[in-house]
Amino acid sequence: VLIIPIFDTLRVILLRIRRMQSPFRADRNHIHHRSLNMGFSHAQTVLILAGINIFFIVLALLLRGSSDALILGLVVMICLGINFVLRKGQNRVT
């Protein structure tokens, strides 16, 4: 249930550190800001994030008997895919 806030927080902190900025400095790099910048409305952004969260919940239920390494690998790959989509979508807008 907490995958989106954890992923988003880690992603933004890593982006800020890579840019040599304070990890506590406010910016508009969070997932919801990126979605809004891509042209989605607030309601659409909420539905997208809720859909992603439901996907991860279903994935967790389906893989509950699998190894932790498999689950972690899948989650990391999916999160990297989400990050890739956000970067490509942001590049199209700018």
PDB file of N, CA and C in Angstrom:
ATOM      1  N   VAL A   1       0.826  -1.188   0.000  1.00  0.00           N
ATOM      2  CA  VAL A   1       0.000   0.000   0.000  1.00  0.00           C
ATOM      3  C   VAL A   1       0.872   1.253   0.000  1.00  0.00           C
ATOM      4  N   LEU A   2       2.059   1.173   0.560  1.00  0.00           N
ATOM      5  CA  LEU A   2       2.931   2.345   0.671  1.00  0.00           C
ATOM      6  C   LEU A   2       3.964   2.442  -0.452  1.00  0.00           C
ATOM      7  N   ILE A   3       3.855   1.614  -1.463  1.00  0.00           N
ATOM      8  CA  ILE A   3       4.883   1.587  -2.502  1.00  0.00           C
ATOM      9  C   ILE A   3       5.005   2.927  -3.226  1.00  0.00           C
ATOM     10  N   ILE A   4       3.928   3.590  -3.533  1.00  0.00           N
ATOM     11  CA  ILE A   4       4.011   4.855  -4.276  1.00  0.00           C
ATOM     12  C   ILE A   4       4.697   5.938  -3.446  1.00  0.00           C
ATOM     13  N   PRO A   5       4.291   6.186  -2.192  1.00  0.00           N
ATOM     14  CA  PRO A   5       5.011   7.220  -1.439  1.00  0.00           C
ATOM     15  C   PRO A   5       6.480   6.879  -1.188  1.00  0.00           C
ATOM     16  N   ILE A   6       6.777   5.615  -0.923  1.00  0.00           N
ATOM     17  CA  ILE A   6       8.174   5.231  -0.699  1.00  0.00           C
ATOM     18  C   ILE A   6       8.981   5.394  -1.977  1.00  0.00           C
ATOM     19  N   PHE A   7       8.474   4.878  -3.089  1.00  0.00           N
ATOM     20  CA  PHE A   7       9.164   5.000  -4.369  1.00  0.00           C
ATOM     21  C   PHE A   7       9.341   6.461  -4.744  1.00  0.00           C
ATOM     22  N   ASP A   8       8.299   7.266  -4.593  1.00  0.00           N
ATOM     23  CA  ASP A   8       8.358   8.672  -4.967  1.00  0.00           C
ATOM     24  C   ASP A   8       9.373   9.422  -4.109  1.00  0.00           C
ATOM     25  N   THR A   9       9.372   9.173  -2.817  1.00  0.00           N
ATOM     26  CA  THR A   9      10.321   9.838  -1.918  1.00  0.00           C
ATOM     27  C   THR A   9      11.752   9.463  -2.255  1.00  0.00           C
ATOM     28  N   LEU A  10      12.025   8.186  -2.441  1.00  0.00           N
ATOM     29  CA  LEU A  10      13.382   7.748  -2.789  1.00  0.00           C
ATOM     30  C   LEU A  10      13.808   8.314  -4.139  1.00  0.00           C
ATOM     31  N   ARG A  11      12.904   8.326  -5.098  1.00  0.00           N
ATOM     32  CA  ARG A  11      13.213   8.842  -6.429  1.00  0.00           C
ATOM     33  C   ARG A  11      13.568  10.321  -6.370  1.00  0.00           C
ATOM     34  N   VAL A  12      12.788  11.103  -5.646  1.00  0.00           N
ATOM     35  CA  VAL A  12      13.029  12.544  -5.560  1.00  0.00           C
ATOM     36  C   VAL A  12      14.316  12.832  -4.792  1.00  0.00           C
ATOM     37  N   ILE A  13      14.567  12.112  -3.708  1.00  0.00           N
ATOM     38  CA  ILE A  13      15.807  12.318  -2.952  1.00  0.00           C
ATOM     39  C   ILE A  13      17.014  12.017  -3.825  1.00  0.00           C
ATOM     40  N   LEU A  14      16.978  10.909  -4.571  1.00  0.00           N
ATOM     41  CA  LEU A  14      18.104  10.568  -5.450  1.00  0.00           C
ATOM     42  C   LEU A  14      18.289  11.608  -6.548  1.00  0.00           C
ATOM     43  N   LEU A  15      17.199  12.122  -7.114  1.00  0.00           N
ATOM     44  CA  LEU A  15      17.299  13.171  -8.127  1.00  0.00           C
ATOM     45  C   LEU A  15      17.954  14.424  -7.559  1.00  0.00           C
ATOM     46  N   ARG A  16      17.548  14.805  -6.369  1.00  0.00           N
ATOM     47  CA  ARG A  16      18.112  16.012  -5.754  1.00  0.00           C
ATOM     48  C   ARG A  16      19.584  15.831  -5.433  1.00  0.00           C
ATOM     49  N   ILE A  17      19.952  14.680  -4.896  1.00  0.00           N
ATOM     50  CA  ILE A  17      21.359  14.435  -4.576  1.00  0.00           C
ATOM     51  C   ILE A  17      22.191  14.420  -5.850  1.00  0.00           C
ATOM     52  N   ARG A  18      21.685  13.808  -6.903  1.00  0.00           N
ATOM     53  CA  ARG A  18      22.410  13.754  -8.180  1.00  0.00           C
ATOM     54  C   ARG A  18      22.629  15.158  -8.748  1.00  0.00           C
ATOM     55  N   ARG A  19      21.701  16.054  -8.484  1.00  0.00           N
ATOM     56  CA  ARG A  19      21.819  17.444  -8.952  1.00  0.00           C
ATOM     57  C   ARG A  19      22.571  18.323  -7.956  1.00  0.00           C
ATOM     58  N   MET A  20      23.140  17.691  -6.924  1.00  0.00           N
ATOM     59  CA  MET A  20      23.902  18.397  -5.890  1.00  0.00           C
ATOM     60  C   MET A  20      23.031  19.405  -5.127  1.00  0.00           C
ATOM     61  N   GLN A  21      21.776  19.050  -4.899  1.00  0.00           N
ATOM     62  CA  GLN A  21      20.846  19.881  -4.139  1.00  0.00           C
ATOM     63  C   GLN A  21      20.551  19.195  -2.814  1.00  0.00           C
ATOM     64  N   SER A  22      20.045  19.953  -1.895  1.00  0.00           N
ATOM     65  CA  SER A  22      19.638  19.382  -0.617  1.00  0.00           C
ATOM     66  C   SER A  22      18.445  18.449  -0.847  1.00  0.00           C
ATOM     67  N   PRO A  23      18.464  17.259  -0.239  1.00  0.00           N
ATOM     68  CA  PRO A  23      17.317  16.356  -0.383  1.00  0.00           C
ATOM     69  C   PRO A  23      16.045  16.919   0.246  1.00  0.00           C
ATOM     70  N   PHE A  24      16.195  17.970   1.056  1.00  0.00           N
ATOM     71  CA  PHE A  24      15.043  18.558   1.740  1.00  0.00           C
ATOM     72  C   PHE A  24      14.510  19.798   1.026  1.00  0.00           C
ATOM     73  N   ARG A  25      15.119  20.143  -0.089  1.00  0.00           N
ATOM     74  CA  ARG A  25      14.694  21.309  -0.863  1.00  0.00           C
ATOM     75  C   ARG A  25      13.423  20.961  -1.644  1.00  0.00           C
ATOM     76  N   ALA A  26      12.439  21.824  -1.578  1.00  0.00           N
ATOM     77  CA  ALA A  26      11.178  21.577  -2.277  1.00  0.00           C
ATOM     78  C   ALA A  26      11.340  21.782  -3.781  1.00  0.00           C
ATOM     79  N   ASP A  27      10.687  20.958  -4.561  1.00  0.00           N
ATOM     80  CA  ASP A  27      10.657  21.115  -6.012  1.00  0.00           C
ATOM     81  C   ASP A  27       9.402  20.453  -6.549  1.00  0.00           C
ATOM     82  N   ARG A  28       9.279  20.400  -7.851  1.00  0.00           N
ATOM     83  CA  ARG A  28       8.083  19.825  -8.486  1.00  0.00           C
ATOM     84  C   ARG A  28       8.420  18.530  -9.223  1.00  0.00           C
ATOM     85  N   ASN A  29       9.239  17.695  -8.602  1.00  0.00           N
ATOM     86  CA  ASN A  29       9.627  16.433  -9.220  1.00  0.00           C
ATOM     87  C   ASN A  29       8.836  15.233  -8.712  1.00  0.00           C
ATOM     88  N   HIS A  30       7.889  15.455  -7.839  1.00  0.00           N
ATOM     89  CA  HIS A  30       7.101  14.325  -7.346  1.00  0.00           C
ATOM     90  C   HIS A  30       6.197  13.796  -8.466  1.00  0.00           C
ATOM     91  N   ILE A  31       5.785  12.563  -8.325  1.00  0.00           N
ATOM     92  CA  ILE A  31       5.001  11.899  -9.369  1.00  0.00           C
ATOM     93  C   ILE A  31       3.747  12.702  -9.715  1.00  0.00           C
ATOM     94  N   HIS A  32       3.054  13.208  -8.724  1.00  0.00           N
ATOM     95  CA  HIS A  32       1.811  13.925  -9.033  1.00  0.00           C
ATOM     96  C   HIS A  32       2.106  15.225  -9.780  1.00  0.00           C
ATOM     97  N   HIS A  33       3.205  15.907  -9.453  1.00  0.00           N
ATOM     98  CA  HIS A  33       3.568  17.114 -10.203  1.00  0.00           C
ATOM     99  C   HIS A  33       3.931  16.766 -11.650  1.00  0.00           C
ATOM    100  N   ARG A  34       4.687  15.699 -11.812  1.00  0.00           N
ATOM    101  CA  ARG A  34       5.076  15.274 -13.158  1.00  0.00           C
ATOM    102  C   ARG A  34       3.851  14.931 -13.997  1.00  0.00           C
ATOM    103  N   SER A  35       2.899  14.238 -13.388  1.00  0.00           N
ATOM    104  CA  SER A  35       1.665  13.875 -14.114  1.00  0.00           C
ATOM    105  C   SER A  35       0.872  15.108 -14.502  1.00  0.00           C
ATOM    106  N   LEU A  36       0.773  16.060 -13.593  1.00  0.00           N
ATOM    107  CA  LEU A  36       0.070  17.299 -13.901  1.00  0.00           C
ATOM    108  C   LEU A  36       0.779  18.056 -15.025  1.00  0.00           C
ATOM    109  N   ASN A  37       2.115  18.081 -14.991  1.00  0.00           N
ATOM    110  CA  ASN A  37       2.887  18.747 -16.047  1.00  0.00           C
ATOM    111  C   ASN A  37       2.722  18.059 -17.398  1.00  0.00           C
ATOM    112  N   MET A  38       2.421  16.769 -17.390  1.00  0.00           N
ATOM    113  CA  MET A  38       2.221  16.024 -18.631  1.00  0.00           C
ATOM    114  C   MET A  38       0.835  16.275 -19.217  1.00  0.00           C
ATOM    115  N   GLY A  39       0.002  17.042 -18.514  1.00  0.00           N
ATOM    116  CA  GLY A  39      -1.302  17.393 -19.045  1.00  0.00           C
ATOM    117  C   GLY A  39      -2.475  16.668 -18.422  1.00  0.00           C
ATOM    118  N   PHE A  40      -2.208  15.776 -17.476  1.00  0.00           N
ATOM    119  CA  PHE A  40      -3.306  15.085 -16.800  1.00  0.00           C
ATOM    120  C   PHE A  40      -3.944  16.026 -15.788  1.00  0.00           C
ATOM    121  N   SER A  41      -5.241  15.892 -15.610  1.00  0.00           N
ATOM    122  CA  SER A  41      -5.934  16.685 -14.595  1.00  0.00           C
ATOM    123  C   SER A  41      -5.630  16.086 -13.223  1.00  0.00           C
ATOM    124  N   HIS A  42      -6.034  16.823 -12.183  1.00  0.00           N
ATOM    125  CA  HIS A  42      -5.826  16.316 -10.832  1.00  0.00           C
ATOM    126  C   HIS A  42      -6.563  14.986 -10.642  1.00  0.00           C
ATOM    127  N   ALA A  43      -7.804  14.914 -11.119  1.00  0.00           N
ATOM    128  CA  ALA A  43      -8.595  13.681 -10.978  1.00  0.00           C
ATOM    129  C   ALA A  43      -7.949  12.525 -11.740  1.00  0.00           C
ATOM    130  N   GLN A  44      -7.454  12.791 -12.946  1.00  0.00           N
ATOM    131  CA  GLN A  44      -6.791  11.739 -13.729  1.00  0.00           C
ATOM    132  C   GLN A  44      -5.522  11.266 -13.029  1.00  0.00           C
ATOM    133  N   THR A  45      -4.780  12.201 -12.457  1.00  0.00           N
ATOM    134  CA  THR A  45      -3.561  11.841 -11.740  1.00  0.00           C
ATOM    135  C   THR A  45      -3.876  10.947 -10.547  1.00  0.00           C
ATOM    136  N   VAL A  46      -4.915  11.294  -9.808  1.00  0.00           N
ATOM    137  CA  VAL A  46      -5.328  10.476  -8.660  1.00  0.00           C
ATOM    138  C   VAL A  46      -5.730   9.081  -9.125  1.00  0.00           C
ATOM    139  N   LEU A  47      -6.471   8.984 -10.219  1.00  0.00           N
ATOM    140  CA  LEU A  47      -6.882   7.672 -10.735  1.00  0.00           C
ATOM    141  C   LEU A  47      -5.686   6.850 -11.210  1.00  0.00           C
ATOM    142  N   ILE A  48      -4.723   7.497 -11.852  1.00  0.00           N
ATOM    143  CA  ILE A  48      -3.520   6.798 -12.312  1.00  0.00           C
ATOM    144  C   ILE A  48      -2.747   6.237 -11.114  1.00  0.00           C
ATOM    145  N   LEU A  49      -2.531   7.074 -10.098  1.00  0.00           N
ATOM    146  CA  LEU A  49      -1.791   6.626  -8.919  1.00  0.00           C
ATOM    147  C   LEU A  49      -2.549   5.543  -8.158  1.00  0.00           C
ATOM    148  N   ALA A  50      -3.872   5.668  -8.087  1.00  0.00           N
ATOM    149  CA  ALA A  50      -4.671   4.630  -7.434  1.00  0.00           C
ATOM    150  C   ALA A  50      -4.592   3.324  -8.220  1.00  0.00           C
ATOM    151  N   GLY A  51      -4.622   3.415  -9.549  1.00  0.00           N
ATOM    152  CA  GLY A  51      -4.498   2.220 -10.389  1.00  0.00           C
ATOM    153  C   GLY A  51      -3.156   1.530 -10.204  1.00  0.00           C
ATOM    154  N   ILE A  52      -2.093   2.325 -10.134  1.00  0.00           N
ATOM    155  CA  ILE A  52      -0.760   1.754  -9.909  1.00  0.00           C
ATOM    156  C   ILE A  52      -0.709   1.084  -8.543  1.00  0.00           C
ATOM    157  N   ASN A  53      -1.292   1.730  -7.548  1.00  0.00           N
ATOM    158  CA  ASN A  53      -1.300   1.159  -6.203  1.00  0.00           C
ATOM    159  C   ASN A  53      -2.095  -0.147  -6.167  1.00  0.00           C
ATOM    160  N   ILE A  54      -3.241  -0.182  -6.816  1.00  0.00           N
ATOM    161  CA  ILE A  54      -4.046  -1.412  -6.875  1.00  0.00           C
ATOM    162  C   ILE A  54      -3.269  -2.509  -7.596  1.00  0.00           C
ATOM    163  N   PHE A  55      -2.570  -2.149  -8.678  1.00  0.00           N
ATOM    164  CA  PHE A  55      -1.738  -3.121  -9.389  1.00  0.00           C
ATOM    165  C   PHE A  55      -0.718  -3.757  -8.444  1.00  0.00           C
ATOM    166  N   PHE A  56      -0.038  -2.924  -7.642  1.00  0.00           N
ATOM    167  CA  PHE A  56       0.965  -3.454  -6.712  1.00  0.00           C
ATOM    168  C   PHE A  56       0.327  -4.313  -5.628  1.00  0.00           C
ATOM    169  N   ILE A  57      -0.859  -3.965  -5.174  1.00  0.00           N
ATOM    170  CA  ILE A  57      -1.551  -4.781  -4.172  1.00  0.00           C
ATOM    171  C   ILE A  57      -1.901  -6.145  -4.750  1.00  0.00           C
ATOM    172  N   VAL A  58      -2.431  -6.159  -5.974  1.00  0.00           N
ATOM    173  CA  VAL A  58      -2.757  -7.433  -6.629  1.00  0.00           C
ATOM    174  C   VAL A  58      -1.493  -8.253  -6.856  1.00  0.00           C
ATOM    175  N   LEU A  59      -0.421  -7.590  -7.290  1.00  0.00           N
ATOM    176  CA  LEU A  59       0.855  -8.277  -7.496  1.00  0.00           C
ATOM    177  C   LEU A  59       1.344  -8.908  -6.193  1.00  0.00           C
ATOM    178  N   ALA A  60       1.228  -8.183  -5.087  1.00  0.00           N
ATOM    179  CA  ALA A  60       1.651  -8.713  -3.789  1.00  0.00           C
ATOM    180  C   ALA A  60       0.820  -9.931  -3.400  1.00  0.00           C
ATOM    181  N   LEU A  61      -0.474  -9.884  -3.668  1.00  0.00           N
ATOM    182  CA  LEU A  61      -1.332 -11.022  -3.343  1.00  0.00           C
ATOM    183  C   LEU A  61      -0.997 -12.236  -4.206  1.00  0.00           C
ATOM    184  N   LEU A  62      -0.727 -11.991  -5.485  1.00  0.00           N
ATOM    185  CA  LEU A  62      -0.402 -13.100  -6.384  1.00  0.00           C
ATOM    186  C   LEU A  62       0.954 -13.724  -6.068  1.00  0.00           C
ATOM    187  N   LEU A  63       1.871 -12.921  -5.578  1.00  0.00           N
ATOM    188  CA  LEU A  63       3.235 -13.401  -5.342  1.00  0.00           C
ATOM    189  C   LEU A  63       3.532 -13.663  -3.871  1.00  0.00           C
ATOM    190  N   ARG A  64       2.510 -13.759  -3.041  1.00  0.00           N
ATOM    191  CA  ARG A  64       2.749 -13.884  -1.599  1.00  0.00           C
ATOM    192  C   ARG A  64       3.532 -15.128  -1.215  1.00  0.00           C
ATOM    193  N   GLY A  65       3.539 -16.138  -2.033  1.00  0.00           N
ATOM    194  CA  GLY A  65       4.303 -17.344  -1.730  1.00  0.00           C
ATOM    195  C   GLY A  65       5.669 -17.374  -2.396  1.00  0.00           C
ATOM    196  N   SER A  66       5.999 -16.352  -3.140  1.00  0.00           N
ATOM    197  CA  SER A  66       7.270 -16.306  -3.874  1.00  0.00           C
ATOM    198  C   SER A  66       8.386 -15.784  -2.987  1.00  0.00           C
ATOM    199  N   SER A  67       9.602 -15.939  -3.484  1.00  0.00           N
ATOM    200  CA  SER A  67      10.770 -15.498  -2.720  1.00  0.00           C
ATOM    201  C   SER A  67      10.831 -13.979  -2.660  1.00  0.00           C
ATOM    202  N   ASP A  68      11.445 -13.481  -1.605  1.00  0.00           N
ATOM    203  CA  ASP A  68      11.592 -12.036  -1.434  1.00  0.00           C
ATOM    204  C   ASP A  68      12.436 -11.436  -2.553  1.00  0.00           C
ATOM    205  N   ALA A  69      13.437 -12.166  -3.012  1.00  0.00           N
ATOM    206  CA  ALA A  69      14.306 -11.666  -4.080  1.00  0.00           C
ATOM    207  C   ALA A  69      13.515 -11.470  -5.374  1.00  0.00           C
ATOM    208  N   LEU A  70      12.633 -12.395  -5.695  1.00  0.00           N
ATOM    209  CA  LEU A  70      11.801 -12.268  -6.895  1.00  0.00           C
ATOM    210  C   LEU A  70      10.877 -11.060  -6.794  1.00  0.00           C
ATOM    211  N   ILE A  71      10.218 -10.927  -5.647  1.00  0.00           N
ATOM    212  CA  ILE A  71       9.287  -9.821  -5.450  1.00  0.00           C
ATOM    213  C   ILE A  71      10.022  -8.489  -5.503  1.00  0.00           C
ATOM    214  N   LEU A  72      11.151  -8.387  -4.820  1.00  0.00           N
ATOM    215  CA  LEU A  72      11.925  -7.150  -4.822  1.00  0.00           C
ATOM    216  C   LEU A  72      12.404  -6.811  -6.228  1.00  0.00           C
ATOM    217  N   GLY A  73      12.869  -7.810  -6.952  1.00  0.00           N
ATOM    218  CA  GLY A  73      13.315  -7.588  -8.330  1.00  0.00           C
ATOM    219  C   GLY A  73      12.193  -7.065  -9.214  1.00  0.00           C
ATOM    220  N   LEU A  74      11.027  -7.663  -9.105  1.00  0.00           N
ATOM    221  CA  LEU A  74       9.875  -7.214  -9.900  1.00  0.00           C
ATOM    222  C   LEU A  74       9.458  -5.794  -9.535  1.00  0.00           C
ATOM    223  N   VAL A  75       9.411  -5.512  -8.252  1.00  0.00           N
ATOM    224  CA  VAL A  75       9.004  -4.179  -7.803  1.00  0.00           C
ATOM    225  C   VAL A  75       9.997  -3.126  -8.295  1.00  0.00           C
ATOM    226  N   VAL A  76      11.284  -3.415  -8.181  1.00  0.00           N
ATOM    227  CA  VAL A  76      12.304  -2.467  -8.644  1.00  0.00           C
ATOM    228  C   VAL A  76      12.178  -2.257 -10.153  1.00  0.00           C
ATOM    229  N   MET A  77      11.996  -3.326 -10.914  1.00  0.00           N
ATOM    230  CA  MET A  77      11.862  -3.193 -12.365  1.00  0.00           C
ATOM    231  C   MET A  77      10.619  -2.386 -12.744  1.00  0.00           C
ATOM    232  N   ILE A  78       9.513  -2.622 -12.077  1.00  0.00           N
ATOM    233  CA  ILE A  78       8.286  -1.887 -12.367  1.00  0.00           C
ATOM    234  C   ILE A  78       8.459  -0.408 -11.999  1.00  0.00           C
ATOM    235  N   CYS A  79       9.078  -0.140 -10.865  1.00  0.00           N
ATOM    236  CA  CYS A  79       9.314   1.252 -10.459  1.00  0.00           C
ATOM    237  C   CYS A  79      10.238   1.959 -11.442  1.00  0.00           C
ATOM    238  N   LEU A  80      11.270   1.268 -11.925  1.00  0.00           N
ATOM    239  CA  LEU A  80      12.138   1.863 -12.938  1.00  0.00           C
ATOM    240  C   LEU A  80      11.361   2.127 -14.227  1.00  0.00           C
ATOM    241  N   GLY A  81      10.439   1.242 -14.560  1.00  0.00           N
ATOM    242  CA  GLY A  81       9.584   1.451 -15.732  1.00  0.00           C
ATOM    243  C   GLY A  81       8.697   2.671 -15.561  1.00  0.00           C
ATOM    244  N   ILE A  82       8.137   2.849 -14.374  1.00  0.00           N
ATOM    245  CA  ILE A  82       7.313   4.027 -14.100  1.00  0.00           C
ATOM    246  C   ILE A  82       8.160   5.284 -14.219  1.00  0.00           C
ATOM    247  N   ASN A  83       9.375   5.247 -13.672  1.00  0.00           N
ATOM    248  CA  ASN A  83      10.283   6.391 -13.764  1.00  0.00           C
ATOM    249  C   ASN A  83      10.614   6.700 -15.223  1.00  0.00           C
ATOM    250  N   PHE A  84      10.826   5.680 -16.036  1.00  0.00           N
ATOM    251  CA  PHE A  84      11.117   5.860 -17.461  1.00  0.00           C
ATOM    252  C   PHE A  84       9.946   6.544 -18.170  1.00  0.00           C
ATOM    253  N   VAL A  85       8.733   6.080 -17.879  1.00  0.00           N
ATOM    254  CA  VAL A  85       7.539   6.679 -18.491  1.00  0.00           C
ATOM    255  C   VAL A  85       7.408   8.146 -18.079  1.00  0.00           C
ATOM    256  N   LEU A  86       7.661   8.437 -16.812  1.00  0.00           N
ATOM    257  CA  LEU A  86       7.588   9.826 -16.336  1.00  0.00           C
ATOM    258  C   LEU A  86       8.616  10.710 -17.049  1.00  0.00           C
ATOM    259  N   ARG A  87       9.828  10.190 -17.226  1.00  0.00           N
ATOM    260  CA  ARG A  87      10.868  10.975 -17.890  1.00  0.00           C
ATOM    261  C   ARG A  87      10.536  11.192 -19.348  1.00  0.00           C
ATOM    262  N   LYS A  88      10.069  10.164 -20.043  1.00  0.00           N
ATOM    263  CA  LYS A  88       9.721  10.299 -21.458  1.00  0.00           C
ATOM    264  C   LYS A  88       8.521  11.239 -21.633  1.00  0.00           C
ATOM    265  N   GLY A  89       7.523  11.094 -20.770  1.00  0.00           N
ATOM    266  CA  GLY A  89       6.359  11.961 -20.844  1.00  0.00           C
ATOM    267  C   GLY A  89       6.710  13.407 -20.569  1.00  0.00           C
ATOM    268  N   GLN A  90       7.604  13.632 -19.640  1.00  0.00           N
ATOM    269  CA  GLN A  90       8.034  14.989 -19.313  1.00  0.00           C
ATOM    270  C   GLN A  90       8.828  15.588 -20.459  1.00  0.00           C
ATOM    271  N   ASN A  91       9.645  14.768 -21.134  1.00  0.00           N
ATOM    272  CA  ASN A  91      10.427  15.253 -22.267  1.00  0.00           C
ATOM    273  C   ASN A  91       9.529  15.665 -23.438  1.00  0.00           C
ATOM    274  N   ARG A  92       8.420  14.969 -23.617  1.00  0.00           N
ATOM    275  CA  ARG A  92       7.491  15.317 -24.697  1.00  0.00           C
ATOM    276  C   ARG A  92       6.820  16.657 -24.442  1.00  0.00           C
ATOM    277  N   VAL A  93       6.557  16.944 -23.178  1.00  0.00           N
ATOM    278  CA  VAL A  93       5.867  18.175 -22.821  1.00  0.00           C
ATOM    279  C   VAL A  93       6.795  19.388 -22.933  1.00  0.00           C
ATOM    280  N   THR A  94       8.063  19.219 -22.540  1.00  0.00           N
ATOM    281  CA  THR A  94       8.991  20.350 -22.546  1.00  0.00           C
ATOM    282  C   THR A  94       9.626  20.595 -23.868  1.00  0.00           C
TER     283      THR A  94
END
